Amino acid sequence: MTDPASSEVTREEVDVRRSPRVWRILALGAGLGAITAFVLTFALPETQGFSRAQVFGFSLLLFVTLFGALAGLVVVLLDRLVGRRVVRTTAERIVEREAPAAPAREEGPADPAAPTDSDR
């Protein structure tokens, strides 16, 4: 390991604002929609016109979309409520630069007349 040749520290005032994890909340909504579709498919009696797989497919499409949209609405509401509070704080940025290393020299074969693997 080499020691850094120079190190710069800069301090800056920054605004920190919390925000919800969008993809996690949307995935949670879609997962709850899939679970709801599965439970309702097997909890309700089977119909004459459609098989259970078809009912599951239709309800999966419906509930994943519905619960995903509800999760999106929750994300927007959380962003409005949680994102209001902005905290001003000091951030430190440390930039370390290493001294350039000496270039490594390439070594060829010791005997240029020696056979290589491709000659055999």
PDB file of N, CA and C in Angstrom:
ATOM      1  N   MET A   1       0.833  -1.163   0.000  1.00  0.00           N
ATOM      2  CA  MET A   1       0.000   0.000   0.000  1.00  0.00           C
ATOM      3  C   MET A   1       0.881   1.230   0.000  1.00  0.00           C
ATOM      4  N   THR A   2       0.503   2.211  -0.736  1.00  0.00           N
ATOM      5  CA  THR A   2       1.287   3.437  -0.803  1.00  0.00           C
ATOM      6  C   THR A   2       0.632   4.511   0.031  1.00  0.00           C
ATOM      7  N   ASP A   3       1.443   5.402   0.525  1.00  0.00           N
ATOM      8  CA  ASP A   3       0.924   6.537   1.279  1.00  0.00           C
ATOM      9  C   ASP A   3       0.435   7.589   0.308  1.00  0.00           C
ATOM     10  N   PRO A   4      -0.658   8.245   0.634  1.00  0.00           N
ATOM     11  CA  PRO A   4      -1.149   9.280  -0.266  1.00  0.00           C
ATOM     12  C   PRO A   4      -0.174  10.449  -0.319  1.00  0.00           C
ATOM     13  N   ALA A   5       0.042  10.960  -1.511  1.00  0.00           N
ATOM     14  CA  ALA A   5       0.957  12.080  -1.688  1.00  0.00           C
ATOM     15  C   ALA A   5       0.322  13.367  -1.191  1.00  0.00           C
ATOM     16  N   SER A   6      -0.951  13.550  -1.450  1.00  0.00           N
ATOM     17  CA  SER A   6      -1.629  14.757  -0.985  1.00  0.00           C
ATOM     18  C   SER A   6      -3.069  14.413  -0.636  1.00  0.00           C
ATOM     19  N   SER A   7      -3.591  15.151   0.310  1.00  0.00           N
ATOM     20  CA  SER A   7      -4.959  14.933   0.740  1.00  0.00           C
ATOM     21  C   SER A   7      -5.625  16.288   0.908  1.00  0.00           C
ATOM     22  N   GLU A   8      -6.763  16.472   0.254  1.00  0.00           N
ATOM     23  CA  GLU A   8      -7.500  17.724   0.347  1.00  0.00           C
ATOM     24  C   GLU A   8      -8.804  17.479   1.087  1.00  0.00           C
ATOM     25  N   VAL A   9      -9.098  18.339   2.047  1.00  0.00           N
ATOM     26  CA  VAL A   9     -10.358  18.261   2.777  1.00  0.00           C
ATOM     27  C   VAL A   9     -11.108  19.557   2.533  1.00  0.00           C
ATOM     28  N   THR A  10     -12.316  19.434   1.999  1.00  0.00           N
ATOM     29  CA  THR A  10     -13.152  20.616   1.799  1.00  0.00           C
ATOM     30  C   THR A  10     -14.435  20.429   2.588  1.00  0.00           C
ATOM     31  N   ARG A  11     -14.848  21.493   3.242  1.00  0.00           N
ATOM     32  CA  ARG A  11     -16.102  21.468   4.006  1.00  0.00           C
ATOM     33  C   ARG A  11     -17.114  22.330   3.290  1.00  0.00           C
ATOM     34  N   GLU A  12     -18.330  21.838   3.303  1.00  0.00           N
ATOM     35  CA  GLU A  12     -19.385  22.528   2.566  1.00  0.00           C
ATOM     36  C   GLU A  12     -20.708  22.360   3.306  1.00  0.00           C
ATOM     37  N   GLU A  13     -21.523  23.396   3.313  1.00  0.00           N
ATOM     38  CA  GLU A  13     -22.858  23.324   3.895  1.00  0.00           C
ATOM     39  C   GLU A  13     -23.797  22.700   2.862  1.00  0.00           C
ATOM     40  N   VAL A  14     -24.512  21.660   3.270  1.00  0.00           N
ATOM     41  CA  VAL A  14     -25.429  20.973   2.357  1.00  0.00           C
ATOM     42  C   VAL A  14     -26.793  20.825   3.012  1.00  0.00           C
ATOM     43  N   ASP A  15     -27.818  20.697   2.187  1.00  0.00           N
ATOM     44  CA  ASP A  15     -29.172  20.439   2.653  1.00  0.00           C
ATOM     45  C   ASP A  15     -29.453  18.945   2.501  1.00  0.00           C
ATOM     46  N   VAL A  16     -29.878  18.301   3.584  1.00  0.00           N
ATOM     47  CA  VAL A  16     -30.178  16.871   3.568  1.00  0.00           C
ATOM     48  C   VAL A  16     -31.683  16.702   3.701  1.00  0.00           C
ATOM     49  N   ARG A  17     -32.251  15.953   2.771  1.00  0.00           N
ATOM     50  CA  ARG A  17     -33.694  15.741   2.741  1.00  0.00           C
ATOM     51  C   ARG A  17     -33.939  14.253   2.623  1.00  0.00           C
ATOM     52  N   ARG A  18     -34.770  13.716   3.490  1.00  0.00           N
ATOM     53  CA  ARG A  18     -35.088  12.287   3.451  1.00  0.00           C
ATOM     54  C   ARG A  18     -36.126  12.017   2.372  1.00  0.00           C
ATOM     55  N   SER A  19     -36.045  10.843   1.794  1.00  0.00           N
ATOM     56  CA  SER A  19     -37.032  10.456   0.784  1.00  0.00           C
ATOM     57  C   SER A  19     -37.318   8.960   0.917  1.00  0.00           C
ATOM     58  N   PRO A  20     -38.520   8.539   0.562  1.00  0.00           N
ATOM     59  CA  PRO A  20     -38.869   7.115   0.671  1.00  0.00           C
ATOM     60  C   PRO A  20     -38.180   6.292  -0.417  1.00  0.00           C
ATOM     61  N   ARG A  21     -38.008   5.023  -0.148  1.00  0.00           N
ATOM     62  CA  ARG A  21     -37.429   4.091  -1.125  1.00  0.00           C
ATOM     63  C   ARG A  21     -38.526   3.681  -2.102  1.00  0.00           C
ATOM     64  N   VAL A  22     -38.519   4.276  -3.270  1.00  0.00           N
ATOM     65  CA  VAL A  22     -39.620   4.129  -4.219  1.00  0.00           C
ATOM     66  C   VAL A  22     -39.766   2.687  -4.692  1.00  0.00           C
ATOM     67  N   TRP A  23     -38.689   2.081  -5.170  1.00  0.00           N
ATOM     68  CA  TRP A  23     -38.792   0.749  -5.773  1.00  0.00           C
ATOM     69  C   TRP A  23     -39.168  -0.311  -4.752  1.00  0.00           C
ATOM     70  N   ARG A  24     -38.716  -0.135  -3.510  1.00  0.00           N
ATOM     71  CA  ARG A  24     -39.079  -1.112  -2.475  1.00  0.00           C
ATOM     72  C   ARG A  24     -40.567  -1.050  -2.170  1.00  0.00           C
ATOM     73  N   ILE A  25     -41.106   0.155  -2.087  1.00  0.00           N
ATOM     74  CA  ILE A  25     -42.529   0.305  -1.777  1.00  0.00           C
ATOM     75  C   ILE A  25     -43.383  -0.194  -2.942  1.00  0.00           C
ATOM     76  N   LEU A  26     -42.971   0.101  -4.174  1.00  0.00           N
ATOM     77  CA  LEU A  26     -43.715  -0.395  -5.338  1.00  0.00           C
ATOM     78  C   LEU A  26     -43.661  -1.923  -5.416  1.00  0.00           C
ATOM     79  N   ALA A  27     -42.500  -2.501  -5.132  1.00  0.00           N
ATOM     80  CA  ALA A  27     -42.381  -3.963  -5.141  1.00  0.00           C
ATOM     81  C   ALA A  27     -43.235  -4.581  -4.038  1.00  0.00           C
ATOM     82  N   LEU A  28     -43.288  -3.928  -2.886  1.00  0.00           N
ATOM     83  CA  LEU A  28     -44.141  -4.415  -1.803  1.00  0.00           C
ATOM     84  C   LEU A  28     -45.608  -4.382  -2.220  1.00  0.00           C
ATOM     85  N   GLY A  29     -46.036  -3.309  -2.884  1.00  0.00           N
ATOM     86  CA  GLY A  29     -47.417  -3.218  -3.361  1.00  0.00           C
ATOM     87  C   GLY A  29     -47.735  -4.290  -4.386  1.00  0.00           C
ATOM     88  N   ALA A  30     -46.817  -4.508  -5.324  1.00  0.00           N
ATOM     89  CA  ALA A  30     -47.037  -5.543  -6.338  1.00  0.00           C
ATOM     90  C   ALA A  30     -47.058  -6.932  -5.702  1.00  0.00           C
ATOM     91  N   GLY A  31     -46.194  -7.166  -4.720  1.00  0.00           N
ATOM     92  CA  GLY A  31     -46.183  -8.454  -4.024  1.00  0.00           C
ATOM     93  C   GLY A  31     -47.472  -8.704  -3.255  1.00  0.00           C
ATOM     94  N   LEU A  32     -47.968  -7.668  -2.583  1.00  0.00           N
ATOM     95  CA  LEU A  32     -49.245  -7.812  -1.876  1.00  0.00           C
ATOM     96  C   LEU A  32     -50.393  -8.064  -2.854  1.00  0.00           C
ATOM     97  N   GLY A  33     -50.323  -7.437  -4.030  1.00  0.00           N
ATOM     98  CA  GLY A  33     -51.335  -7.687  -5.057  1.00  0.00           C
ATOM     99  C   GLY A  33     -51.300  -9.127  -5.544  1.00  0.00           C
ATOM    100  N   ALA A  34     -50.098  -9.677  -5.721  1.00  0.00           N
ATOM    101  CA  ALA A  34     -49.969 -11.068  -6.161  1.00  0.00           C
ATOM    102  C   ALA A  34     -50.484 -12.034  -5.093  1.00  0.00           C
ATOM    103  N   ILE A  35     -50.179 -11.746  -3.842  1.00  0.00           N
ATOM    104  CA  ILE A  35     -50.672 -12.603  -2.755  1.00  0.00           C
ATOM    105  C   ILE A  35     -52.195 -12.544  -2.674  1.00  0.00           C
ATOM    106  N   THR A  36     -52.750 -11.344  -2.816  1.00  0.00           N
ATOM    107  CA  THR A  36     -54.208 -11.189  -2.792  1.00  0.00           C
ATOM    108  C   THR A  36     -54.857 -11.969  -3.937  1.00  0.00           C
ATOM    109  N   ALA A  37     -54.265 -11.884  -5.125  1.00  0.00           N
ATOM    110  CA  ALA A  37     -54.805 -12.621  -6.272  1.00  0.00           C
ATOM    111  C   ALA A  37     -54.770 -14.121  -6.019  1.00  0.00           C
ATOM    112  N   PHE A  38     -53.687 -14.611  -5.454  1.00  0.00           N
ATOM    113  CA  PHE A  38     -53.563 -16.041  -5.172  1.00  0.00           C
ATOM    114  C   PHE A  38     -54.606 -16.494  -4.153  1.00  0.00           C
ATOM    115  N   VAL A  39     -54.745 -15.726  -3.078  1.00  0.00           N
ATOM    116  CA  VAL A  39     -55.695 -16.104  -2.024  1.00  0.00           C
ATOM    117  C   VAL A  39     -57.119 -16.082  -2.553  1.00  0.00           C
ATOM    118  N   LEU A  40     -57.478 -15.030  -3.272  1.00  0.00           N
ATOM    119  CA  LEU A  40     -58.851 -14.936  -3.781  1.00  0.00           C
ATOM    120  C   LEU A  40     -59.152 -15.994  -4.841  1.00  0.00           C
ATOM    121  N   THR A  41     -58.154 -16.366  -5.616  1.00  0.00           N
ATOM    122  CA  THR A  41     -58.371 -17.390  -6.641  1.00  0.00           C
ATOM    123  C   THR A  41     -58.769 -18.718  -6.009  1.00  0.00           C
ATOM    124  N   PHE A  42     -58.096 -19.100  -4.943  1.00  0.00           N
ATOM    125  CA  PHE A  42     -58.367 -20.401  -4.343  1.00  0.00           C
ATOM    126  C   PHE A  42     -59.389 -20.337  -3.213  1.00  0.00           C
ATOM    127  N   ALA A  43     -59.751 -19.138  -2.755  1.00  0.00           N
ATOM    128  CA  ALA A  43     -60.766 -19.012  -1.703  1.00  0.00           C
ATOM    129  C   ALA A  43     -62.174 -19.020  -2.289  1.00  0.00           C
ATOM    130  N   LEU A  44     -62.318 -18.520  -3.503  1.00  0.00           N
ATOM    131  CA  LEU A  44     -63.640 -18.460  -4.134  1.00  0.00           C
ATOM    132  C   LEU A  44     -63.922 -19.768  -4.867  1.00  0.00           C
ATOM    133  N   PRO A  45     -65.181 -20.125  -5.029  1.00  0.00           N
ATOM    134  CA  PRO A  45     -65.500 -21.373  -5.742  1.00  0.00           C
ATOM    135  C   PRO A  45     -65.150 -21.259  -7.232  1.00  0.00           C
ATOM    136  N   GLU A  46     -64.831 -22.412  -7.813  1.00  0.00           N
ATOM    137  CA  GLU A  46     -64.455 -22.448  -9.231  1.00  0.00           C
ATOM    138  C   GLU A  46     -65.688 -22.197 -10.100  1.00  0.00           C
ATOM    139  N   THR A  47     -65.499 -21.435 -11.181  1.00  0.00           N
ATOM    140  CA  THR A  47     -66.603 -21.126 -12.090  1.00  0.00           C
ATOM    141  C   THR A  47     -66.599 -22.099 -13.261  1.00  0.00           C
ATOM    142  N   GLN A  48     -67.719 -22.169 -13.974  1.00  0.00           N
ATOM    143  CA  GLN A  48     -67.850 -23.080 -15.110  1.00  0.00           C
ATOM    144  C   GLN A  48     -67.064 -22.593 -16.326  1.00  0.00           C
ATOM    145  N   GLY A  49     -67.042 -21.296 -16.561  1.00  0.00           N
ATOM    146  CA  GLY A  49     -66.457 -20.785 -17.802  1.00  0.00           C
ATOM    147  C   GLY A  49     -64.945 -20.657 -17.799  1.00  0.00           C
ATOM    148  N   PHE A  50     -64.334 -20.545 -16.621  1.00  0.00           N
ATOM    149  CA  PHE A  50     -62.889 -20.294 -16.549  1.00  0.00           C
ATOM    150  C   PHE A  50     -62.220 -21.277 -15.600  1.00  0.00           C
ATOM    151  N   SER A  51     -60.996 -21.660 -15.946  1.00  0.00           N
ATOM    152  CA  SER A  51     -60.228 -22.528 -15.045  1.00  0.00           C
ATOM    153  C   SER A  51     -59.601 -21.665 -13.939  1.00  0.00           C
ATOM    154  N   ARG A  52     -59.053 -22.327 -12.934  1.00  0.00           N
ATOM    155  CA  ARG A  52     -58.410 -21.584 -11.834  1.00  0.00           C
ATOM    156  C   ARG A  52     -57.199 -20.802 -12.342  1.00  0.00           C
ATOM    157  N   ALA A  53     -56.476 -21.353 -13.287  1.00  0.00           N
ATOM    158  CA  ALA A  53     -55.303 -20.664 -13.827  1.00  0.00           C
ATOM    159  C   ALA A  53     -55.705 -19.378 -14.544  1.00  0.00           C
ATOM    160  N   GLN A  54     -56.789 -19.422 -15.301  1.00  0.00           N
ATOM    161  CA  GLN A  54     -57.265 -18.220 -15.983  1.00  0.00           C
ATOM    162  C   GLN A  54     -57.737 -17.172 -14.981  1.00  0.00           C
ATOM    163  N   VAL A  55     -58.459 -17.605 -13.965  1.00  0.00           N
ATOM    164  CA  VAL A  55     -58.925 -16.674 -12.933  1.00  0.00           C
ATOM    165  C   VAL A  55     -57.725 -16.066 -12.212  1.00  0.00           C
ATOM    166  N   PHE A  56     -56.725 -16.895 -11.921  1.00  0.00           N
ATOM    167  CA  PHE A  56     -55.521 -16.380 -11.265  1.00  0.00           C
ATOM    168  C   PHE A  56     -54.809 -15.362 -12.153  1.00  0.00           C
ATOM    169  N   GLY A  57     -54.705 -15.643 -13.442  1.00  0.00           N
ATOM    170  CA  GLY A  57     -54.056 -14.702 -14.361  1.00  0.00           C
ATOM    171  C   GLY A  57     -54.783 -13.372 -14.435  1.00  0.00           C
ATOM    172  N   PHE A  58     -56.098 -13.421 -14.562  1.00  0.00           N
ATOM    173  CA  PHE A  58     -56.881 -12.180 -14.617  1.00  0.00           C
ATOM    174  C   PHE A  58     -56.773 -11.397 -13.308  1.00  0.00           C
ATOM    175  N   SER A  59     -56.941 -12.106 -12.202  1.00  0.00           N
ATOM    176  CA  SER A  59     -56.892 -11.403 -10.915  1.00  0.00           C
ATOM    177  C   SER A  59     -55.476 -10.928 -10.594  1.00  0.00           C
ATOM    178  N   LEU A  60     -54.465 -11.662 -11.032  1.00  0.00           N
ATOM    179  CA  LEU A  60     -53.084 -11.220 -10.847  1.00  0.00           C
ATOM    180  C   LEU A  60     -52.842  -9.907 -11.581  1.00  0.00           C
ATOM    181  N   LEU A  61     -53.291  -9.850 -12.818  1.00  0.00           N
ATOM    182  CA  LEU A  61     -53.148  -8.622 -13.600  1.00  0.00           C
ATOM    183  C   LEU A  61     -53.865  -7.456 -12.929  1.00  0.00           C
ATOM    184  N   LEU A  62     -55.065  -7.698 -12.462  1.00  0.00           N
ATOM    185  CA  LEU A  62     -55.857  -6.651 -11.823  1.00  0.00           C
ATOM    186  C   LEU A  62     -55.248  -6.193 -10.501  1.00  0.00           C
ATOM    187  N   PHE A  63     -54.937  -7.139  -9.612  1.00  0.00           N
ATOM    188  CA  PHE A  63     -54.503  -6.765  -8.268  1.00  0.00           C
ATOM    189  C   PHE A  63     -53.071  -6.242  -8.225  1.00  0.00           C
ATOM    190  N   VAL A  64     -52.188  -6.757  -9.063  1.00  0.00           N
ATOM    191  CA  VAL A  64     -50.827  -6.207  -9.093  1.00  0.00           C
ATOM    192  C   VAL A  64     -50.865  -4.765  -9.580  1.00  0.00           C
ATOM    193  N   THR A  65     -51.680  -4.491 -10.596  1.00  0.00           N
ATOM    194  CA  THR A  65     -51.813  -3.119 -11.084  1.00  0.00           C
ATOM    195  C   THR A  65     -52.443  -2.218 -10.032  1.00  0.00           C
ATOM    196  N   LEU A  66     -53.507  -2.684  -9.410  1.00  0.00           N
ATOM    197  CA  LEU A  66     -54.212  -1.886  -8.406  1.00  0.00           C
ATOM    198  C   LEU A  66     -53.333  -1.608  -7.185  1.00  0.00           C
ATOM    199  N   PHE A  67     -52.713  -2.640  -6.640  1.00  0.00           N
ATOM    200  CA  PHE A  67     -51.879  -2.458  -5.456  1.00  0.00           C
ATOM    201  C   PHE A  67     -50.601  -1.688  -5.788  1.00  0.00           C
ATOM    202  N   GLY A  68     -50.074  -1.856  -7.005  1.00  0.00           N
ATOM    203  CA  GLY A  68     -48.919  -1.058  -7.419  1.00  0.00           C
ATOM    204  C   GLY A  68     -49.261   0.418  -7.504  1.00  0.00           C
ATOM    205  N   ALA A  69     -50.458   0.731  -8.026  1.00  0.00           N
ATOM    206  CA  ALA A  69     -50.899   2.130  -8.091  1.00  0.00           C
ATOM    207  C   ALA A  69     -51.113   2.699  -6.690  1.00  0.00           C
ATOM    208  N   LEU A  70     -51.685   1.907  -5.794  1.00  0.00           N
ATOM    209  CA  LEU A  70     -51.854   2.359  -4.407  1.00  0.00           C
ATOM    210  C   LEU A  70     -50.498   2.582  -3.732  1.00  0.00           C
ATOM    211  N   ALA A  71     -49.547   1.723  -4.009  1.00  0.00           N
ATOM    212  CA  ALA A  71     -48.203   1.906  -3.452  1.00  0.00           C
ATOM    213  C   ALA A  71     -47.557   3.168  -4.014  1.00  0.00           C
ATOM    214  N   GLY A  72     -47.796   3.453  -5.292  1.00  0.00           N
ATOM    215  CA  GLY A  72     -47.288   4.699  -5.866  1.00  0.00           C
ATOM    216  C   GLY A  72     -47.885   5.917  -5.192  1.00  0.00           C
ATOM    217  N   LEU A  73     -49.160   5.845  -4.873  1.00  0.00           N
ATOM    218  CA  LEU A  73     -49.818   6.935  -4.147  1.00  0.00           C
ATOM    219  C   LEU A  73     -49.216   7.093  -2.749  1.00  0.00           C
ATOM    220  N   VAL A  74     -48.924   5.983  -2.092  1.00  0.00           N
ATOM    221  CA  VAL A  74     -48.279   6.033  -0.779  1.00  0.00           C
ATOM    222  C   VAL A  74     -46.896   6.674  -0.885  1.00  0.00           C
ATOM    223  N   VAL A  75     -46.154   6.359  -1.949  1.00  0.00           N
ATOM    224  CA  VAL A  75     -44.834   6.959  -2.152  1.00  0.00           C
ATOM    225  C   VAL A  75     -44.949   8.471  -2.286  1.00  0.00           C
ATOM    226  N   VAL A  76     -45.905   8.932  -3.075  1.00  0.00           N
ATOM    227  CA  VAL A  76     -46.080  10.375  -3.262  1.00  0.00           C
ATOM    228  C   VAL A  76     -46.445  11.044  -1.942  1.00  0.00           C
ATOM    229  N   LEU A  77     -47.368  10.441  -1.188  1.00  0.00           N
ATOM    230  CA  LEU A  77     -47.764  11.016   0.097  1.00  0.00           C
ATOM    231  C   LEU A  77     -46.605  11.018   1.094  1.00  0.00           C
ATOM    232  N   LEU A  78     -45.862   9.934   1.160  1.00  0.00           N
ATOM    233  CA  LEU A  78     -44.707   9.891   2.054  1.00  0.00           C
ATOM    234  C   LEU A  78     -43.654  10.914   1.655  1.00  0.00           C
ATOM    235  N   ASP A  79     -43.448  11.081   0.370  1.00  0.00           N
ATOM    236  CA  ASP A  79     -42.475  12.061  -0.095  1.00  0.00           C
ATOM    237  C   ASP A  79     -42.895  13.469   0.303  1.00  0.00           C
ATOM    238  N   ARG A  80     -44.173  13.755   0.226  1.00  0.00           N
ATOM    239  CA  ARG A  80     -44.679  15.076   0.627  1.00  0.00           C
ATOM    240  C   ARG A  80     -44.544  15.294   2.125  1.00  0.00           C
ATOM    241  N   LEU A  81     -44.841  14.258   2.913  1.00  0.00           N
ATOM    242  CA  LEU A  81     -44.801  14.408   4.368  1.00  0.00           C
ATOM    243  C   LEU A  81     -43.377  14.381   4.921  1.00  0.00           C
ATOM    244  N   VAL A  82     -42.594  13.401   4.495  1.00  0.00           N
ATOM    245  CA  VAL A  82     -41.244  13.240   5.027  1.00  0.00           C
ATOM    246  C   VAL A  82     -40.287  14.248   4.402  1.00  0.00           C
ATOM    247  N   GLY A  83     -40.501  14.587   3.146  1.00  0.00           N
ATOM    248  CA  GLY A  83     -39.584  15.467   2.437  1.00  0.00           C
ATOM    249  C   GLY A  83     -39.697  16.928   2.809  1.00  0.00           C
ATOM    250  N   ARG A  84     -40.649  17.286   3.624  1.00  0.00           N
ATOM    251  CA  ARG A  84     -40.795  18.689   4.018  1.00  0.00           C
ATOM    252  C   ARG A  84     -39.632  19.149   4.879  1.00  0.00           C
ATOM    253  N   ARG A  85     -39.173  18.291   5.742  1.00  0.00           N
ATOM    254  CA  ARG A  85     -38.127  18.685   6.676  1.00  0.00           C
ATOM    255  C   ARG A  85     -36.759  18.577   6.011  1.00  0.00           C
ATOM    256  N   VAL A  86     -36.092  19.705   5.924  1.00  0.00           N
ATOM    257  CA  VAL A  86     -34.757  19.758   5.341  1.00  0.00           C
ATOM    258  C   VAL A  86     -33.792  20.154   6.452  1.00  0.00           C
ATOM    259  N   VAL A  87     -32.727  19.389   6.613  1.00  0.00           N
ATOM    260  CA  VAL A  87     -31.737  19.652   7.648  1.00  0.00           C
ATOM    261  C   VAL A  87     -30.472  20.167   6.982  1.00  0.00           C
ATOM    262  N   ARG A  88     -29.967  21.273   7.489  1.00  0.00           N
ATOM    263  CA  ARG A  88     -28.724  21.838   6.960  1.00  0.00           C
ATOM    264  C   ARG A  88     -27.574  21.318   7.816  1.00  0.00           C
ATOM    265  N   THR A  89     -26.573  20.742   7.171  1.00  0.00           N
ATOM    266  CA  THR A  89     -25.452  20.157   7.895  1.00  0.00           C
ATOM    267  C   THR A  89     -24.160  20.398   7.127  1.00  0.00           C
ATOM    268  N   THR A  90     -23.056  20.069   7.750  1.00  0.00           N
ATOM    269  CA  THR A  90     -21.749  20.245   7.131  1.00  0.00           C
ATOM    270  C   THR A  90     -21.264  18.903   6.602  1.00  0.00           C
ATOM    271  N   ALA A  91     -20.834  18.901   5.367  1.00  0.00           N
ATOM    272  CA  ALA A  91     -20.298  17.686   4.750  1.00  0.00           C
ATOM    273  C   ALA A  91     -18.818  17.897   4.472  1.00  0.00           C
ATOM    274  N   GLU A  92     -18.043  16.855   4.684  1.00  0.00           N
ATOM    275  CA  GLU A  92     -16.615  16.909   4.397  1.00  0.00           C
ATOM    276  C   GLU A  92     -16.318  16.030   3.197  1.00  0.00           C
ATOM    277  N   ARG A  93     -15.565  16.593   2.283  1.00  0.00           N
ATOM    278  CA  ARG A  93     -15.144  15.825   1.111  1.00  0.00           C
ATOM    279  C   ARG A  93     -13.640  15.683   1.183  1.00  0.00           C
ATOM    280  N   ILE A  94     -13.183  14.446   1.172  1.00  0.00           N
ATOM    281  CA  ILE A  94     -11.753  14.174   1.254  1.00  0.00           C
ATOM    282  C   ILE A  94     -11.310  13.581  -0.075  1.00  0.00           C
ATOM    283  N   VAL A  95     -10.365  14.266  -0.715  1.00  0.00           N
ATOM    284  CA  VAL A  95      -9.813  13.792  -1.981  1.00  0.00           C
ATOM    285  C   VAL A  95      -8.360  13.424  -1.730  1.00  0.00           C
ATOM    286  N   GLU A  96      -8.038  12.161  -1.928  1.00  0.00           N
ATOM    287  CA  GLU A  96      -6.669  11.700  -1.738  1.00  0.00           C
ATOM    288  C   GLU A  96      -6.075  11.351  -3.085  1.00  0.00           C
ATOM    289  N   ARG A  97      -4.898  11.879  -3.314  1.00  0.00           N
ATOM    290  CA  ARG A  97      -4.195  11.598  -4.562  1.00  0.00           C
ATOM    291  C   ARG A  97      -2.912  10.839  -4.226  1.00  0.00           C
ATOM    292  N   GLU A  98      -2.661   9.783  -4.962  1.00  0.00           N
ATOM    293  CA  GLU A  98      -1.452   9.002  -4.753  1.00  0.00           C
ATOM    294  C   GLU A  98      -0.390   9.443  -5.739  1.00  0.00           C
ATOM    295  N   ALA A  99       0.845   9.297  -5.328  1.00  0.00           N
ATOM    296  CA  ALA A  99       1.955   9.620  -6.219  1.00  0.00           C
ATOM    297  C   ALA A  99       1.968   8.603  -7.351  1.00  0.00           C
ATOM    298  N   PRO A 100       2.288   9.049  -8.569  1.00  0.00           N
ATOM    299  CA  PRO A 100       2.296   8.094  -9.686  1.00  0.00           C
ATOM    300  C   PRO A 100       3.367   7.027  -9.471  1.00  0.00           C
ATOM    301  N   ALA A 101       3.017   5.800  -9.735  1.00  0.00           N
ATOM    302  CA  ALA A 101       3.934   4.672  -9.579  1.00  0.00           C
ATOM    303  C   ALA A 101       4.886   4.625 -10.761  1.00  0.00           C
ATOM    304  N   ALA A 102       6.062   4.071 -10.520  1.00  0.00           N
ATOM    305  CA  ALA A 102       7.041   3.922 -11.592  1.00  0.00           C
ATOM    306  C   ALA A 102       6.510   2.898 -12.589  1.00  0.00           C
ATOM    307  N   PRO A 103       6.664   3.167 -13.888  1.00  0.00           N
ATOM    308  CA  PRO A 103       6.136   2.220 -14.880  1.00  0.00           C
ATOM    309  C   PRO A 103       6.880   0.888 -14.812  1.00  0.00           C
ATOM    310  N   ALA A 104       6.138  -0.185 -14.897  1.00  0.00           N
ATOM    311  CA  ALA A 104       6.727  -1.524 -14.880  1.00  0.00           C
ATOM    312  C   ALA A 104       7.283  -1.823 -16.259  1.00  0.00           C
ATOM    313  N   ARG A 105       8.497  -2.344 -16.297  1.00  0.00           N
ATOM    314  CA  ARG A 105       9.088  -2.663 -17.597  1.00  0.00           C
ATOM    315  C   ARG A 105       8.711  -4.073 -17.998  1.00  0.00           C
ATOM    316  N   GLU A 106       8.502  -4.240 -19.266  1.00  0.00           N
ATOM    317  CA  GLU A 106       8.112  -5.550 -19.784  1.00  0.00           C
ATOM    318  C   GLU A 106       9.357  -6.364 -20.065  1.00  0.00           C
ATOM    319  N   GLU A 107       9.325  -7.593 -19.615  1.00  0.00           N
ATOM    320  CA  GLU A 107      10.446  -8.483 -19.858  1.00  0.00           C
ATOM    321  C   GLU A 107      10.047  -9.510 -20.902  1.00  0.00           C
ATOM    322  N   GLY A 108      10.890  -9.683 -21.882  1.00  0.00           N
ATOM    323  CA  GLY A 108      10.654 -10.664 -22.924  1.00  0.00           C
ATOM    324  C   GLY A 108      11.257 -11.998 -22.518  1.00  0.00           C
ATOM    325  N   PRO A 109      11.249 -12.992 -23.411  1.00  0.00           N
ATOM    326  CA  PRO A 109      11.872 -14.277 -23.091  1.00  0.00           C
ATOM    327  C   PRO A 109      13.376 -14.103 -22.917  1.00  0.00           C
ATOM    328  N   ALA A 110      13.973 -14.901 -22.051  1.00  0.00           N
ATOM    329  CA  ALA A 110      15.405 -14.795 -21.776  1.00  0.00           C
ATOM    330  C   ALA A 110      16.222 -15.121 -23.022  1.00  0.00           C
ATOM    331  N   ASP A 111      15.819 -16.109 -23.766  1.00  0.00           N
ATOM    332  CA  ASP A 111      16.541 -16.501 -24.974  1.00  0.00           C
ATOM    333  C   ASP A 111      15.602 -16.334 -26.154  1.00  0.00           C
ATOM    334  N   PRO A 112      15.853 -15.351 -27.045  1.00  0.00           N
ATOM    335  CA  PRO A 112      14.934 -15.143 -28.161  1.00  0.00           C
ATOM    336  C   PRO A 112      14.870 -16.331 -29.116  1.00  0.00           C
ATOM    337  N   ALA A 113      15.876 -17.185 -29.136  1.00  0.00           N
ATOM    338  CA  ALA A 113      15.876 -18.332 -30.037  1.00  0.00           C
ATOM    339  C   ALA A 113      15.175 -19.540 -29.423  1.00  0.00           C
ATOM    340  N   ALA A 114      14.766 -19.460 -28.174  1.00  0.00           N
ATOM    341  CA  ALA A 114      14.112 -20.592 -27.511  1.00  0.00           C
ATOM    342  C   ALA A 114      12.737 -20.815 -28.121  1.00  0.00           C
ATOM    343  N   PRO A 115      12.329 -22.079 -28.271  1.00  0.00           N
ATOM    344  CA  PRO A 115      11.013 -22.358 -28.874  1.00  0.00           C
ATOM    345  C   PRO A 115       9.880 -21.941 -27.920  1.00  0.00           C
ATOM    346  N   THR A 116       8.834 -21.450 -28.506  1.00  0.00           N
ATOM    347  CA  THR A 116       7.656 -21.075 -27.725  1.00  0.00           C
ATOM    348  C   THR A 116       6.621 -22.181 -27.842  1.00  0.00           C
ATOM    349  N   ASP A 117       5.493 -22.019 -27.129  1.00  0.00           N
ATOM    350  CA  ASP A 117       4.437 -23.032 -27.172  1.00  0.00           C
ATOM    351  C   ASP A 117       3.842 -23.169 -28.565  1.00  0.00           C
ATOM    352  N   SER A 118       3.821 -22.106 -29.328  1.00  0.00           N
ATOM    353  CA  SER A 118       3.220 -22.174 -30.661  1.00  0.00           C
ATOM    354  C   SER A 118       4.128 -22.882 -31.661  1.00  0.00           C
ATOM    355  N   ASP A 119       5.440 -22.983 -31.348  1.00  0.00           N
ATOM    356  CA  ASP A 119       6.367 -23.646 -32.266  1.00  0.00           C
ATOM    357  C   ASP A 119       6.335 -25.163 -32.102  1.00  0.00           C
ATOM    358  N   ARG A 120       5.828 -25.668 -31.032  1.00  0.00           N
ATOM    359  CA  ARG A 120       5.880 -27.111 -30.759  1.00  0.00           C
ATOM    360  C   ARG A 120       4.823 -27.846 -31.464  1.00  0.00           C
TER     361      ARG A 120
END
